[in-house]
Amino acid sequence: MTVTAPTPFPNVATLTERERATLLERTRRSGEYFERARQVMPGGVP
């Protein structure tokens, strides 16, 4: 059974989402390369 409790610090979720979006924006090409590799290699790595 999984219990999900509200975050004691509501700003943590907001901060996490903002940082995740920044990371994805800054590493977009890396993500594209990973997706391309994943199509031909198990797990996207040799």
C-alpha atoms as a PDB file:
ATOM      1  CA  MET A   1       0.000   0.000   0.000  1.00  0.00           C
ATOM      2  CA  THR A   2       1.358   3.395  -0.960  1.00  0.00           C
ATOM      3  CA  VAL A   3       0.474   6.405   1.113  1.00  0.00           C
ATOM      4  CA  THR A   4       1.011   9.816  -0.415  1.00  0.00           C
ATOM      5  CA  ALA A   5       1.263  12.567   2.136  1.00  0.00           C
ATOM      6  CA  PRO A   6       1.212  16.231   1.247  1.00  0.00           C
ATOM      7  CA  THR A   7       4.644  17.784   1.055  1.00  0.00           C
ATOM      8  CA  PRO A   8       5.389  19.605   4.314  1.00  0.00           C
ATOM      9  CA  PHE A   9       6.993  22.333   2.217  1.00  0.00           C
ATOM     10  CA  PRO A  10       4.685  23.235  -0.679  1.00  0.00           C
ATOM     11  CA  ASN A  11       7.451  25.155  -2.408  1.00  0.00           C
ATOM     12  CA  VAL A  12       9.503  21.964  -2.778  1.00  0.00           C
ATOM     13  CA  ALA A  13       7.193  20.609  -5.491  1.00  0.00           C
ATOM     14  CA  THR A  14       7.221  23.949  -7.305  1.00  0.00           C
ATOM     15  CA  LEU A  15      10.988  24.226  -7.071  1.00  0.00           C
ATOM     16  CA  THR A  16      11.462  20.645  -8.251  1.00  0.00           C
ATOM     17  CA  GLU A  17       9.233  21.192 -11.267  1.00  0.00           C
ATOM     18  CA  ARG A  18      10.998  24.435 -12.166  1.00  0.00           C
ATOM     19  CA  GLU A  19      14.430  22.816 -11.913  1.00  0.00           C
ATOM     20  CA  ARG A  20      13.284  19.810 -13.958  1.00  0.00           C
ATOM     21  CA  ALA A  21      12.033  22.141 -16.713  1.00  0.00           C
ATOM     22  CA  THR A  22      15.339  24.046 -16.663  1.00  0.00           C
ATOM     23  CA  LEU A  23      17.298  20.798 -16.918  1.00  0.00           C
ATOM     24  CA  LEU A  24      15.216  19.568 -19.835  1.00  0.00           C
ATOM     25  CA  GLU A  25      15.648  22.884 -21.631  1.00  0.00           C
ATOM     26  CA  ARG A  26      19.424  22.945 -21.098  1.00  0.00           C
ATOM     27  CA  THR A  27      19.951  19.292 -22.061  1.00  0.00           C
ATOM     28  CA  ARG A  28      17.455  19.001 -24.920  1.00  0.00           C
ATOM     29  CA  ARG A  29      20.008  17.721 -27.449  1.00  0.00           C
ATOM     30  CA  SER A  30      21.258  15.111 -24.994  1.00  0.00           C
ATOM     31  CA  GLY A  31      17.683  13.863 -24.618  1.00  0.00           C
ATOM     32  CA  GLU A  32      17.315  13.684 -28.385  1.00  0.00           C
ATOM     33  CA  TYR A  33      20.519  11.647 -28.649  1.00  0.00           C
ATOM     34  CA  PHE A  34      19.331   9.340 -25.882  1.00  0.00           C
ATOM     35  CA  GLU A  35      15.993   8.733 -27.617  1.00  0.00           C
ATOM     36  CA  ARG A  36      17.793   7.996 -30.884  1.00  0.00           C
ATOM     37  CA  ALA A  37      20.178   5.566 -29.162  1.00  0.00           C
ATOM     38  CA  ARG A  38      17.346   3.898 -27.283  1.00  0.00           C
ATOM     39  CA  GLN A  39      15.787   2.840 -30.580  1.00  0.00           C
ATOM     40  CA  VAL A  40      18.834   0.779 -31.542  1.00  0.00           C
ATOM     41  CA  MET A  41      20.473  -0.133 -28.210  1.00  0.00           C
ATOM     42  CA  PRO A  42      18.896  -1.676 -25.128  1.00  0.00           C
ATOM     43  CA  GLY A  43      18.602   1.063 -22.528  1.00  0.00           C
ATOM     44  CA  GLY A  44      20.233   3.546 -24.921  1.00  0.00           C
ATOM     45  CA  VAL A  45      23.779   2.547 -23.973  1.00  0.00           C
ATOM     46  CA  PRO A  46      26.286   0.069 -25.447  1.00  0.00           C
END
